[in-house]
Amino acid sequence: MLVMGVAAATALALAACGATADKNEGGTSGGDGKPVTGLRIMVPNTPGGGYDTTARTAAKVMEDAKIATGVQVFNLPGAGGTVGLQRTVNEKGNGKLAMQMGLGVVGASYTSKSKATLTQTTPLAKLIEEAGAIVVPKDSPYRTIGDLIAAWKANPKGIAVGGGSSPGGPDHLLPMQLAKTVGIDPRQVNYVSYDGGGELLPALLGNKIAFGASGFGEFLDQVEAGQIRVLAVTSEAPIEALKEVPTLKSAGIDLVFTNWRGIVAPPEISDADKKVWIDTLTRMHESAEWKAELTKRGWTDAFVTGDQFGTFLTEQDKAVADILKQLGLA
């Protein structure tokens, strides 16, 4: 937690520098064969979560493929991602800054009553989709998804489920939809919110929650180390990285759920800066290094840019708002 606090303080300092930097300084489309410089990616939650992993993977690929150099990734956590969202909106015209985000920020903007909204940002690209996973500590009494569901139905309020997003985010929506599918009133679910996978994991390992619901990619290292077990994944088909784990559907639960992640920039950036970002992200997406990461992490390629991503964001915003209204959270 102390490390996270230092990271947040550092992030604020970096963000302040960005606000006063010369927006024409550095940066190139890469059309001259030179790597792009001066790009910064804000992660609006704690280190170790899905946004953090995605942003740092993207930055590493840009470096390794010589698409960009010196890409800064920093964390500015808080309020389910809306602290970072507010900072992004405040950085109006700053074409060197972008924010890693996803479905969780869409929901948090409603449940946190955020003044800043994603509709104020500049859509750059949707990168990936990822299935969710239902996970338990290694010593959990629940050996199968059937065991867990039976216990959960018997005592919905007594079995705590944790997620790395605020109410309205994917880790919240997943157990709510799972509860509804298996016949549990979602309003009875004891959901514990953590600010990203970096906080969710120790809670799970420390048995503070009975099970977790989040993107499966956040747990691969711990699965390989034998610290946690995945009872089911939420994809349509089995996950290559977790071949022995059943899908919910194959376990007799009629639910498929996927999360997505993308990148947005502050409002009113120049057309030239927007082109630099989209061109850079497109080149990253086309690289062998990025394709290797998709395979390694089990991410589904969902790449769209600019206006197409903007249309998708508008649709997601409405869909999430409708769900949260049904739950009395928006």
C-alpha atoms as a PDB file:
ATOM      1  CA  MET A   1       0.000   0.000   0.000  1.00  0.00           C
ATOM      2  CA  LEU A   2       2.918   2.344   0.722  1.00  0.00           C
ATOM      3  CA  VAL A   3       4.335   1.591  -2.702  1.00  0.00           C
ATOM      4  CA  MET A   4       0.939   2.331  -4.238  1.00  0.00           C
ATOM      5  CA  GLY A   5       0.825   5.647  -2.373  1.00  0.00           C
ATOM      6  CA  VAL A   6       4.231   6.635  -3.714  1.00  0.00           C
ATOM      7  CA  ALA A   7       3.145   5.585  -7.197  1.00  0.00           C
ATOM      8  CA  ALA A   8       0.055   7.755  -6.945  1.00  0.00           C
ATOM      9  CA  ALA A   9       2.065  10.744  -5.715  1.00  0.00           C
ATOM     10  CA  THR A  10       4.553  10.259  -8.528  1.00  0.00           C
ATOM     11  CA  ALA A  11       1.675  10.047 -10.983  1.00  0.00           C
ATOM     12  CA  LEU A  12       0.306  13.365  -9.807  1.00  0.00           C
ATOM     13  CA  ALA A  13       3.699  14.961 -10.251  1.00  0.00           C
ATOM     14  CA  LEU A  14       4.047  13.522 -13.739  1.00  0.00           C
ATOM     15  CA  ALA A  15       0.545  14.604 -14.649  1.00  0.00           C
ATOM     16  CA  ALA A  16       1.270  18.128 -13.478  1.00  0.00           C
ATOM     17  CA  CYS A  17       4.352  18.221 -15.682  1.00  0.00           C
ATOM     18  CA  GLY A  18       2.267  17.108 -18.641  1.00  0.00           C
ATOM     19  CA  ALA A  19      -0.216  19.904 -18.103  1.00  0.00           C
ATOM     20  CA  THR A  20       2.450  22.560 -18.617  1.00  0.00           C
ATOM     21  CA  ALA A  21       4.578  20.831 -21.217  1.00  0.00           C
ATOM     22  CA  ASP A  22       4.875  22.139 -24.765  1.00  0.00           C
ATOM     23  CA  LYS A  23       2.323  20.052 -26.626  1.00  0.00           C
ATOM     24  CA  ASN A  24       4.303  20.398 -29.852  1.00  0.00           C
ATOM     25  CA  GLU A  25       7.424  19.048 -28.243  1.00  0.00           C
ATOM     26  CA  GLY A  26       8.579  15.617 -29.466  1.00  0.00           C
ATOM     27  CA  GLY A  27       6.230  13.168 -31.106  1.00  0.00           C
ATOM     28  CA  THR A  28       6.233  12.034 -34.692  1.00  0.00           C
ATOM     29  CA  SER A  29       3.896   9.893 -36.738  1.00  0.00           C
ATOM     30  CA  GLY A  30       6.687   7.448 -37.370  1.00  0.00           C
ATOM     31  CA  GLY A  31       6.319   8.037 -41.088  1.00  0.00           C
ATOM     32  CA  ASP A  32       9.971   9.099 -41.257  1.00  0.00           C
ATOM     33  CA  GLY A  33      11.043   5.737 -39.860  1.00  0.00           C
ATOM     34  CA  LYS A  34      11.911   7.136 -36.431  1.00  0.00           C
ATOM     35  CA  PRO A  35      10.122   5.934 -33.288  1.00  0.00           C
ATOM     36  CA  VAL A  36       7.433   8.187 -31.807  1.00  0.00           C
ATOM     37  CA  THR A  37       8.537  10.056 -28.674  1.00  0.00           C
ATOM     38  CA  GLY A  38       6.895  11.870 -25.769  1.00  0.00           C
ATOM     39  CA  LEU A  39       3.839   9.615 -25.276  1.00  0.00           C
ATOM     40  CA  ARG A  40       2.390   9.013 -21.795  1.00  0.00           C
ATOM     41  CA  ILE A  41      -0.312   6.520 -20.764  1.00  0.00           C
ATOM     42  CA  MET A  42      -2.231   6.991 -17.535  1.00  0.00           C
ATOM     43  CA  VAL A  43      -3.609   3.914 -15.764  1.00  0.00           C
ATOM     44  CA  PRO A  44      -6.617   4.969 -13.637  1.00  0.00           C
ATOM     45  CA  ASN A  45      -6.257   2.245 -11.015  1.00  0.00           C
ATOM     46  CA  THR A  46      -3.583   0.488  -8.962  1.00  0.00           C
ATOM     47  CA  PRO A  47      -0.552  -1.406 -10.294  1.00  0.00           C
ATOM     48  CA  GLY A  48      -1.115  -5.069 -11.095  1.00  0.00           C
ATOM     49  CA  GLY A  49      -4.655  -4.847 -12.470  1.00  0.00           C
ATOM     50  CA  GLY A  50      -5.962  -5.435 -15.974  1.00  0.00           C
ATOM     51  CA  TYR A  51      -5.617  -1.827 -17.130  1.00  0.00           C
ATOM     52  CA  ASP A  52      -2.084  -1.682 -15.772  1.00  0.00           C
ATOM     53  CA  THR A  53      -1.103  -4.948 -17.463  1.00  0.00           C
ATOM     54  CA  THR A  54      -2.597  -3.853 -20.784  1.00  0.00           C
ATOM     55  CA  ALA A  55      -0.948  -0.419 -20.756  1.00  0.00           C
ATOM     56  CA  ARG A  56       2.484  -1.737 -19.782  1.00  0.00           C
ATOM     57  CA  THR A  57       2.263  -4.524 -22.352  1.00  0.00           C
ATOM     58  CA  ALA A  58       1.351  -2.012 -25.055  1.00  0.00           C
ATOM     59  CA  ALA A  59       4.224   0.297 -24.045  1.00  0.00           C
ATOM     60  CA  LYS A  60       6.712  -2.597 -24.055  1.00  0.00           C
ATOM     61  CA  VAL A  61       5.569  -3.740 -27.489  1.00  0.00           C
ATOM     62  CA  MET A  62       5.955  -0.193 -28.834  1.00  0.00           C
ATOM     63  CA  GLU A  63       9.499  -0.127 -27.468  1.00  0.00           C
ATOM     64  CA  ASP A  64      10.464  -3.641 -28.586  1.00  0.00           C
ATOM     65  CA  ALA A  65       9.076  -3.103 -32.089  1.00  0.00           C
ATOM     66  CA  LYS A  66      10.768   0.325 -32.274  1.00  0.00           C
ATOM     67  CA  ILE A  67       7.412   2.018 -32.876  1.00  0.00           C
ATOM     68  CA  ALA A  68       7.825   4.405 -29.938  1.00  0.00           C
ATOM     69  CA  THR A  69      10.510   5.122 -27.403  1.00  0.00           C
ATOM     70  CA  GLY A  70      10.374   6.373 -23.817  1.00  0.00           C
ATOM     71  CA  VAL A  71       6.640   5.691 -23.408  1.00  0.00           C
ATOM     72  CA  GLN A  72       5.709   6.598 -19.813  1.00  0.00           C
ATOM     73  CA  VAL A  73       3.081   4.521 -18.010  1.00  0.00           C
ATOM     74  CA  PHE A  74       1.919   5.817 -14.629  1.00  0.00           C
ATOM     75  CA  ASN A  75      -0.911   5.059 -12.190  1.00  0.00           C
ATOM     76  CA  LEU A  76      -3.480   7.525 -10.873  1.00  0.00           C
ATOM     77  CA  PRO A  77      -5.993   5.365  -8.963  1.00  0.00           C
ATOM     78  CA  GLY A  78      -9.221   6.303  -7.263  1.00  0.00           C
ATOM     79  CA  ALA A  79     -13.015   6.058  -7.449  1.00  0.00           C
ATOM     80  CA  GLY A  80     -13.082   3.173  -9.895  1.00  0.00           C
ATOM     81  CA  GLY A  81     -11.047   5.063 -12.468  1.00  0.00           C
ATOM     82  CA  THR A  82     -12.921   8.355 -12.370  1.00  0.00           C
ATOM     83  CA  VAL A  83     -10.059  10.228 -10.671  1.00  0.00           C
ATOM     84  CA  GLY A  84      -7.995   9.413 -13.749  1.00  0.00           C
ATOM     85  CA  LEU A  85     -10.928  10.235 -16.009  1.00  0.00           C
ATOM     86  CA  GLN A  86     -11.278  13.677 -14.416  1.00  0.00           C
ATOM     87  CA  ARG A  87      -7.538  14.293 -14.869  1.00  0.00           C
ATOM     88  CA  THR A  88      -7.827  13.271 -18.534  1.00  0.00           C
ATOM     89  CA  VAL A  89     -10.721  15.655 -19.132  1.00  0.00           C
ATOM     90  CA  ASN A  90      -8.822  18.429 -17.310  1.00  0.00           C
ATOM     91  CA  GLU A  91      -5.830  17.936 -19.642  1.00  0.00           C
ATOM     92  CA  LYS A  92      -7.781  19.490 -22.523  1.00  0.00           C
ATOM     93  CA  GLY A  93      -5.657  19.743 -25.670  1.00  0.00           C
ATOM     94  CA  ASN A  94      -2.756  17.651 -24.288  1.00  0.00           C
ATOM     95  CA  GLY A  95      -2.014  15.430 -27.271  1.00  0.00           C
ATOM     96  CA  LYS A  96       0.819  13.547 -25.573  1.00  0.00           C
ATOM     97  CA  LEU A  97      -1.382  12.001 -22.866  1.00  0.00           C
ATOM     98  CA  ALA A  98      -3.787   9.063 -23.137  1.00  0.00           C
ATOM     99  CA  MET A  99      -5.707   6.997 -20.592  1.00  0.00           C
ATOM    100  CA  GLN A 100      -5.982   3.221 -20.538  1.00  0.00           C
ATOM    101  CA  MET A 101      -9.600   2.359 -19.761  1.00  0.00           C
ATOM    102  CA  GLY A 102     -12.409  -0.104 -20.308  1.00  0.00           C
ATOM    103  CA  LEU A 103     -15.883  -1.170 -19.295  1.00  0.00           C
ATOM    104  CA  GLY A 104     -15.136  -0.472 -15.619  1.00  0.00           C
ATOM    105  CA  VAL A 105     -14.659   3.249 -16.162  1.00  0.00           C
ATOM    106  CA  VAL A 106     -17.959   3.415 -18.053  1.00  0.00           C
ATOM    107  CA  GLY A 107     -19.856   2.082 -15.043  1.00  0.00           C
ATOM    108  CA  ALA A 108     -17.855   3.998 -12.452  1.00  0.00           C
ATOM    109  CA  SER A 109     -18.652   7.283 -14.159  1.00  0.00           C
ATOM    110  CA  TYR A 110     -22.288   6.665 -13.186  1.00  0.00           C
ATOM    111  CA  THR A 111     -21.952   5.058  -9.766  1.00  0.00           C
ATOM    112  CA  SER A 112     -19.348   7.616  -8.633  1.00  0.00           C
ATOM    113  CA  LYS A 113     -21.513  10.472  -9.923  1.00  0.00           C
ATOM    114  CA  SER A 114     -18.486  11.702 -11.855  1.00  0.00           C
ATOM    115  CA  LYS A 115     -18.642  15.160 -13.375  1.00  0.00           C
ATOM    116  CA  ALA A 116     -16.225  13.980 -16.041  1.00  0.00           C
ATOM    117  CA  THR A 117     -17.618  11.570 -18.630  1.00  0.00           C
ATOM    118  CA  LEU A 118     -16.104   9.431 -21.341  1.00  0.00           C
ATOM    119  CA  THR A 119     -18.155  11.302 -23.922  1.00  0.00           C
ATOM    120  CA  GLN A 120     -15.890  14.293 -23.210  1.00  0.00           C
ATOM    121  CA  THR A 121     -12.724  12.385 -24.163  1.00  0.00           C
ATOM    122  CA  THR A 122     -11.209  11.710 -27.578  1.00  0.00           C
ATOM    123  CA  PRO A 123     -11.630   8.020 -28.528  1.00  0.00           C
ATOM    124  CA  LEU A 124      -8.401   6.509 -29.875  1.00  0.00           C
ATOM    125  CA  ALA A 125      -8.697   2.722 -30.010  1.00  0.00           C
ATOM    126  CA  LYS A 126     -10.333  -0.342 -28.544  1.00  0.00           C
ATOM    127  CA  LEU A 127      -7.583  -2.920 -28.102  1.00  0.00           C
ATOM    128  CA  ILE A 128      -8.798  -6.205 -26.674  1.00  0.00           C
ATOM    129  CA  GLU A 129     -11.599  -8.235 -25.206  1.00  0.00           C
ATOM    130  CA  GLU A 130     -11.076 -10.690 -22.364  1.00  0.00           C
ATOM    131  CA  ALA A 131     -13.220 -13.365 -20.783  1.00  0.00           C
ATOM    132  CA  GLY A 132     -13.908 -13.287 -17.076  1.00  0.00           C
ATOM    133  CA  ALA A 133     -13.056 -15.982 -14.550  1.00  0.00           C
ATOM    134  CA  ILE A 134     -14.515 -17.261 -11.307  1.00  0.00           C
ATOM    135  CA  VAL A 135     -11.580 -17.910  -8.976  1.00  0.00           C
ATOM    136  CA  VAL A 136     -11.022 -19.189  -5.433  1.00  0.00           C
ATOM    137  CA  PRO A 137      -7.989 -19.530  -3.144  1.00  0.00           C
ATOM    138  CA  LYS A 138      -6.121 -22.833  -3.353  1.00  0.00           C
ATOM    139  CA  ASP A 139      -7.543 -24.027  -0.022  1.00  0.00           C
ATOM    140  CA  SER A 140     -11.155 -23.124  -0.836  1.00  0.00           C
ATOM    141  CA  PRO A 141     -13.774 -25.780  -0.018  1.00  0.00           C
ATOM    142  CA  TYR A 142     -15.352 -25.166  -3.425  1.00  0.00           C
ATOM    143  CA  ARG A 143     -13.750 -27.597  -5.858  1.00  0.00           C
ATOM    144  CA  THR A 144     -16.087 -26.971  -8.803  1.00  0.00           C
ATOM    145  CA  ILE A 145     -18.295 -24.146 -10.042  1.00  0.00           C
ATOM    146  CA  GLY A 146     -21.264 -26.332  -9.103  1.00  0.00           C
ATOM    147  CA  ASP A 147     -20.056 -26.522  -5.484  1.00  0.00           C
ATOM    148  CA  LEU A 148     -19.744 -22.742  -5.321  1.00  0.00           C
ATOM    149  CA  ILE A 149     -23.132 -22.014  -6.897  1.00  0.00           C
ATOM    150  CA  ALA A 150     -24.889 -24.454  -4.537  1.00  0.00           C
ATOM    151  CA  ALA A 151     -23.362 -22.752  -1.478  1.00  0.00           C
ATOM    152  CA  TRP A 152     -24.030 -19.291  -2.903  1.00  0.00           C
ATOM    153  CA  LYS A 153     -27.708 -20.040  -3.559  1.00  0.00           C
ATOM    154  CA  ALA A 154     -28.059 -21.341  -0.011  1.00  0.00           C
ATOM    155  CA  ASN A 155     -26.563 -18.182   1.522  1.00  0.00           C
ATOM    156  CA  PRO A 156     -26.229 -15.296  -0.962  1.00  0.00           C
ATOM    157  CA  LYS A 157     -25.434 -12.623   1.637  1.00  0.00           C
ATOM    158  CA  GLY A 158     -22.979 -14.811   3.520  1.00  0.00           C
ATOM    159  CA  ILE A 159     -20.719 -15.618   0.568  1.00  0.00           C
ATOM    160  CA  ALA A 160     -18.691 -12.547  -0.374  1.00  0.00           C
ATOM    161  CA  VAL A 161     -17.539 -12.084  -3.955  1.00  0.00           C
ATOM    162  CA  GLY A 162     -14.787  -9.597  -4.751  1.00  0.00           C
ATOM    163  CA  GLY A 163     -14.010  -7.754  -7.948  1.00  0.00           C
ATOM    164  CA  GLY A 164     -11.389  -5.315  -9.135  1.00  0.00           C
ATOM    165  CA  SER A 165     -13.873  -2.667 -10.211  1.00  0.00           C
ATOM    166  CA  SER A 166     -16.435  -0.379  -8.648  1.00  0.00           C
ATOM    167  CA  PRO A 167     -20.162  -1.066  -8.963  1.00  0.00           C
ATOM    168  CA  GLY A 168     -21.005  -0.782 -12.633  1.00  0.00           C
ATOM    169  CA  GLY A 169     -17.656  -2.157 -13.761  1.00  0.00           C
ATOM    170  CA  PRO A 170     -17.106  -5.576 -15.373  1.00  0.00           C
ATOM    171  CA  ASP A 171     -16.101  -7.313 -12.150  1.00  0.00           C
ATOM    172  CA  HIS A 172     -19.369  -6.111 -10.606  1.00  0.00           C
ATOM    173  CA  LEU A 173     -21.578  -6.801 -13.606  1.00  0.00           C
ATOM    174  CA  LEU A 174     -20.238 -10.355 -13.977  1.00  0.00           C
ATOM    175  CA  PRO A 175     -21.345 -11.717 -10.564  1.00  0.00           C
ATOM    176  CA  MET A 176     -24.628  -9.799 -10.837  1.00  0.00           C
ATOM    177  CA  GLN A 177     -25.393 -11.449 -14.164  1.00  0.00           C
ATOM    178  CA  LEU A 178     -24.167 -14.816 -12.868  1.00  0.00           C
ATOM    179  CA  ALA A 179     -26.439 -14.500  -9.820  1.00  0.00           C
ATOM    180  CA  LYS A 180     -29.437 -13.675 -11.990  1.00  0.00           C
ATOM    181  CA  THR A 181     -28.669 -16.605 -14.307  1.00  0.00           C
ATOM    182  CA  VAL A 182     -28.556 -19.149 -11.454  1.00  0.00           C
ATOM    183  CA  GLY A 183     -31.645 -17.780  -9.710  1.00  0.00           C
ATOM    184  CA  ILE A 184     -30.167 -15.459  -7.060  1.00  0.00           C
ATOM    185  CA  ASP A 185     -31.613 -11.973  -6.643  1.00  0.00           C
ATOM    186  CA  PRO A 186     -28.702  -9.673  -7.609  1.00  0.00           C
ATOM    187  CA  ARG A 187     -29.729  -7.301  -4.829  1.00  0.00           C
ATOM    188  CA  GLN A 188     -28.821 -10.055  -2.331  1.00  0.00           C
ATOM    189  CA  VAL A 189     -25.236 -10.398  -3.613  1.00  0.00           C
ATOM    190  CA  ASN A 190     -22.504  -9.431  -1.145  1.00  0.00           C
ATOM    191  CA  TYR A 191     -20.123  -7.713  -3.569  1.00  0.00           C
ATOM    192  CA  VAL A 192     -16.861  -6.262  -2.249  1.00  0.00           C
ATOM    193  CA  SER A 193     -15.231  -3.686  -4.516  1.00  0.00           C
ATOM    194  CA  TYR A 194     -11.439  -3.365  -4.885  1.00  0.00           C
ATOM    195  CA  ASP A 195      -9.608  -0.744  -6.927  1.00  0.00           C
ATOM    196  CA  GLY A 196      -8.137  -3.015  -9.579  1.00  0.00           C
ATOM    197  CA  GLY A 197      -6.659  -6.504  -9.616  1.00  0.00           C
ATOM    198  CA  GLY A 198      -3.674  -5.311  -7.600  1.00  0.00           C
ATOM    199  CA  GLU A 199      -5.957  -4.978  -4.553  1.00  0.00           C
ATOM    200  CA  LEU A 200      -8.281  -7.867  -5.390  1.00  0.00           C
ATOM    201  CA  LEU A 201      -5.569 -10.517  -5.447  1.00  0.00           C
ATOM    202  CA  PRO A 202      -4.305 -10.101  -1.845  1.00  0.00           C
ATOM    203  CA  ALA A 203      -7.912 -10.067  -0.610  1.00  0.00           C
ATOM    204  CA  LEU A 204      -8.503 -13.360  -2.382  1.00  0.00           C
ATOM    205  CA  LEU A 205      -5.260 -14.922  -1.158  1.00  0.00           C
ATOM    206  CA  GLY A 206      -6.008 -13.677   2.355  1.00  0.00           C
ATOM    207  CA  ASN A 207      -9.468 -15.327   2.351  1.00  0.00           C
ATOM    208  CA  LYS A 208     -11.213 -11.999   2.867  1.00  0.00           C
ATOM    209  CA  ILE A 209     -13.669 -13.034   0.147  1.00  0.00           C
ATOM    210  CA  ALA A 210     -15.043 -16.447  -0.811  1.00  0.00           C
ATOM    211  CA  PHE A 211     -14.426 -16.021  -4.525  1.00  0.00           C
ATOM    212  CA  GLY A 212     -13.347 -13.468  -7.067  1.00  0.00           C
ATOM    213  CA  ALA A 213     -14.744 -12.427 -10.440  1.00  0.00           C
ATOM    214  CA  SER A 214     -12.394 -10.699 -12.839  1.00  0.00           C
ATOM    215  CA  GLY A 215     -10.506 -11.017 -16.119  1.00  0.00           C
ATOM    216  CA  PHE A 216      -8.723 -14.372 -16.198  1.00  0.00           C
ATOM    217  CA  GLY A 217      -5.490 -12.818 -17.449  1.00  0.00           C
ATOM    218  CA  GLU A 218      -4.945 -11.114 -14.099  1.00  0.00           C
ATOM    219  CA  PHE A 219      -4.570 -14.489 -12.359  1.00  0.00           C
ATOM    220  CA  LEU A 220      -2.413 -16.529 -14.720  1.00  0.00           C
ATOM    221  CA  ASP A 221       0.795 -16.163 -12.718  1.00  0.00           C
ATOM    222  CA  GLN A 222      -0.953 -17.155  -9.489  1.00  0.00           C
ATOM    223  CA  VAL A 223      -2.684 -20.088 -11.197  1.00  0.00           C
ATOM    224  CA  GLU A 224       0.675 -21.349 -12.477  1.00  0.00           C
ATOM    225  CA  ALA A 225       2.121 -20.921  -8.975  1.00  0.00           C
ATOM    226  CA  GLY A 226      -0.721 -22.948  -7.482  1.00  0.00           C
ATOM    227  CA  GLN A 227      -1.971 -20.108  -5.284  1.00  0.00           C
ATOM    228  CA  ILE A 228      -5.473 -19.911  -6.723  1.00  0.00           C
ATOM    229  CA  ARG A 229      -7.818 -22.100  -8.736  1.00  0.00           C
ATOM    230  CA  VAL A 230     -10.077 -21.089 -11.614  1.00  0.00           C
ATOM    231  CA  LEU A 231     -13.476 -22.780 -11.344  1.00  0.00           C
ATOM    232  CA  ALA A 232     -14.862 -21.494 -14.663  1.00  0.00           C
ATOM    233  CA  VAL A 233     -14.280 -18.979 -17.427  1.00  0.00           C
ATOM    234  CA  THR A 234     -17.021 -16.879 -19.002  1.00  0.00           C
ATOM    235  CA  SER A 235     -16.057 -17.219 -22.667  1.00  0.00           C
ATOM    236  CA  GLU A 236     -18.041 -19.026 -25.354  1.00  0.00           C
ATOM    237  CA  ALA A 237     -15.221 -21.536 -25.890  1.00  0.00           C
ATOM    238  CA  PRO A 238     -12.445 -22.822 -23.605  1.00  0.00           C
ATOM    239  CA  ILE A 239      -9.433 -20.559 -23.070  1.00  0.00           C
ATOM    240  CA  GLU A 240      -6.150 -21.749 -24.572  1.00  0.00           C
ATOM    241  CA  ALA A 241      -4.200 -20.617 -21.515  1.00  0.00           C
ATOM    242  CA  LEU A 242      -6.573 -22.544 -19.203  1.00  0.00           C
ATOM    243  CA  LYS A 243      -7.381 -25.618 -21.263  1.00  0.00           C
ATOM    244  CA  GLU A 244      -8.615 -27.727 -18.342  1.00  0.00           C
ATOM    245  CA  VAL A 245     -11.010 -25.080 -16.999  1.00  0.00           C
ATOM    246  CA  PRO A 246     -14.686 -25.401 -18.040  1.00  0.00           C
ATOM    247  CA  THR A 247     -16.738 -22.546 -19.420  1.00  0.00           C
ATOM    248  CA  LEU A 248     -19.877 -21.590 -17.537  1.00  0.00           C
ATOM    249  CA  LYS A 249     -21.910 -22.897 -20.460  1.00  0.00           C
ATOM    250  CA  SER A 250     -20.209 -26.282 -20.432  1.00  0.00           C
ATOM    251  CA  ALA A 251     -20.960 -26.447 -16.696  1.00  0.00           C
ATOM    252  CA  GLY A 252     -24.654 -25.936 -17.427  1.00  0.00           C
ATOM    253  CA  ILE A 253     -24.824 -22.200 -16.690  1.00  0.00           C
ATOM    254  CA  ASP A 254     -26.153 -20.260 -19.679  1.00  0.00           C
ATOM    255  CA  LEU A 255     -23.959 -17.156 -19.482  1.00  0.00           C
ATOM    256  CA  VAL A 256     -21.220 -15.693 -21.687  1.00  0.00           C
ATOM    257  CA  PHE A 257     -19.499 -12.480 -20.526  1.00  0.00           C
ATOM    258  CA  THR A 258     -16.569 -10.525 -21.962  1.00  0.00           C
ATOM    259  CA  ASN A 259     -14.764  -7.377 -20.874  1.00  0.00           C
ATOM    260  CA  TRP A 260     -12.953  -4.938 -23.166  1.00  0.00           C
ATOM    261  CA  ARG A 261     -10.156  -2.375 -22.858  1.00  0.00           C
ATOM    262  CA  GLY A 262      -9.257   0.660 -24.906  1.00  0.00           C
ATOM    263  CA  ILE A 263      -7.441   3.996 -24.894  1.00  0.00           C
ATOM    264  CA  VAL A 264      -8.814   7.545 -24.928  1.00  0.00           C
ATOM    265  CA  ALA A 265      -7.152  10.970 -25.024  1.00  0.00           C
ATOM    266  CA  PRO A 266      -8.123  14.325 -23.477  1.00  0.00           C
ATOM    267  CA  PRO A 267     -10.719  16.542 -25.188  1.00  0.00           C
ATOM    268  CA  GLU A 268      -9.817  18.873 -28.039  1.00  0.00           C
ATOM    269  CA  ILE A 269      -6.448  17.424 -28.991  1.00  0.00           C
ATOM    270  CA  SER A 270      -5.223  18.435 -32.439  1.00  0.00           C
ATOM    271  CA  ASP A 271      -5.933  16.303 -35.509  1.00  0.00           C
ATOM    272  CA  ALA A 272      -2.178  15.827 -35.859  1.00  0.00           C
ATOM    273  CA  ASP A 273      -1.803  14.475 -32.312  1.00  0.00           C
ATOM    274  CA  LYS A 274      -4.818  12.219 -32.742  1.00  0.00           C
ATOM    275  CA  LYS A 275      -3.275  10.842 -35.934  1.00  0.00           C
ATOM    276  CA  VAL A 276       0.035  10.166 -34.135  1.00  0.00           C
ATOM    277  CA  TRP A 277      -1.756   8.120 -31.468  1.00  0.00           C
ATOM    278  CA  ILE A 278      -3.950   6.158 -33.876  1.00  0.00           C
ATOM    279  CA  ASP A 279      -1.086   5.497 -36.295  1.00  0.00           C
ATOM    280  CA  THR A 280       1.151   4.377 -33.419  1.00  0.00           C
ATOM    281  CA  LEU A 281      -1.499   2.086 -31.935  1.00  0.00           C
ATOM    282  CA  THR A 282      -2.272   0.682 -35.385  1.00  0.00           C
ATOM    283  CA  ARG A 283       1.389  -0.124 -35.992  1.00  0.00           C
ATOM    284  CA  MET A 284       1.557  -1.728 -32.549  1.00  0.00           C
ATOM    285  CA  HIS A 285      -1.528  -3.817 -33.325  1.00  0.00           C
ATOM    286  CA  GLU A 286       0.026  -5.013 -36.586  1.00  0.00           C
ATOM    287  CA  SER A 287       3.328  -6.003 -34.979  1.00  0.00           C
ATOM    288  CA  ALA A 288       4.422  -9.592 -34.394  1.00  0.00           C
ATOM    289  CA  GLU A 289       5.216  -8.632 -30.810  1.00  0.00           C
ATOM    290  CA  TRP A 290       1.600  -7.607 -30.096  1.00  0.00           C
ATOM    291  CA  LYS A 291       0.225 -10.751 -31.740  1.00  0.00           C
ATOM    292  CA  ALA A 292       2.510 -12.807 -29.501  1.00  0.00           C
ATOM    293  CA  GLU A 293       1.190 -11.002 -26.413  1.00  0.00           C
ATOM    294  CA  LEU A 294      -2.419 -11.647 -27.457  1.00  0.00           C
ATOM    295  CA  THR A 295      -1.656 -15.356 -27.645  1.00  0.00           C
ATOM    296  CA  LYS A 296       0.380 -15.423 -24.444  1.00  0.00           C
ATOM    297  CA  ARG A 297      -2.266 -13.635 -22.391  1.00  0.00           C
ATOM    298  CA  GLY A 298      -5.340 -15.152 -24.002  1.00  0.00           C
ATOM    299  CA  TRP A 299      -6.640 -11.752 -25.082  1.00  0.00           C
ATOM    300  CA  THR A 300      -9.089 -11.526 -27.976  1.00  0.00           C
ATOM    301  CA  ASP A 301      -8.137  -9.037 -30.681  1.00  0.00           C
ATOM    302  CA  ALA A 302     -10.874  -6.367 -30.828  1.00  0.00           C
ATOM    303  CA  PHE A 303      -9.015  -3.511 -32.511  1.00  0.00           C
ATOM    304  CA  VAL A 304     -11.039  -0.547 -33.810  1.00  0.00           C
ATOM    305  CA  THR A 305     -10.044   3.120 -33.882  1.00  0.00           C
ATOM    306  CA  GLY A 306     -11.330   6.681 -33.937  1.00  0.00           C
ATOM    307  CA  ASP A 307     -14.981   7.258 -34.812  1.00  0.00           C
ATOM    308  CA  GLN A 308     -15.757   3.529 -34.860  1.00  0.00           C
ATOM    309  CA  PHE A 309     -14.504   3.241 -31.295  1.00  0.00           C
ATOM    310  CA  GLY A 310     -16.444   6.388 -30.412  1.00  0.00           C
ATOM    311  CA  THR A 311     -19.684   4.801 -31.627  1.00  0.00           C
ATOM    312  CA  PHE A 312     -18.921   1.685 -29.590  1.00  0.00           C
ATOM    313  CA  LEU A 313     -18.311   3.823 -26.462  1.00  0.00           C
ATOM    314  CA  THR A 314     -21.674   5.554 -26.899  1.00  0.00           C
ATOM    315  CA  GLU A 315     -23.451   2.196 -27.185  1.00  0.00           C
ATOM    316  CA  GLN A 316     -21.657   0.806 -24.122  1.00  0.00           C
ATOM    317  CA  ASP A 317     -22.467   3.922 -22.121  1.00  0.00           C
ATOM    318  CA  LYS A 318     -26.189   3.490 -22.748  1.00  0.00           C
ATOM    319  CA  ALA A 319     -26.178  -0.269 -22.086  1.00  0.00           C
ATOM    320  CA  VAL A 320     -24.349   0.094 -18.754  1.00  0.00           C
ATOM    321  CA  ALA A 321     -26.583   2.976 -17.666  1.00  0.00           C
ATOM    322  CA  ASP A 322     -29.665   0.838 -18.327  1.00  0.00           C
ATOM    323  CA  ILE A 323     -28.306  -2.077 -16.242  1.00  0.00           C
ATOM    324  CA  LEU A 324     -27.326   0.177 -13.343  1.00  0.00           C
ATOM    325  CA  LYS A 325     -30.755   1.805 -13.311  1.00  0.00           C
ATOM    326  CA  GLN A 326     -32.297  -1.675 -12.936  1.00  0.00           C
ATOM    327  CA  LEU A 327     -30.045  -2.246  -9.907  1.00  0.00           C
ATOM    328  CA  GLY A 328     -30.851   1.177  -8.484  1.00  0.00           C
ATOM    329  CA  LEU A 329     -27.261   2.382  -8.876  1.00  0.00           C
ATOM    330  CA  ALA A 330     -27.730   5.084 -11.509  1.00  0.00           C
END
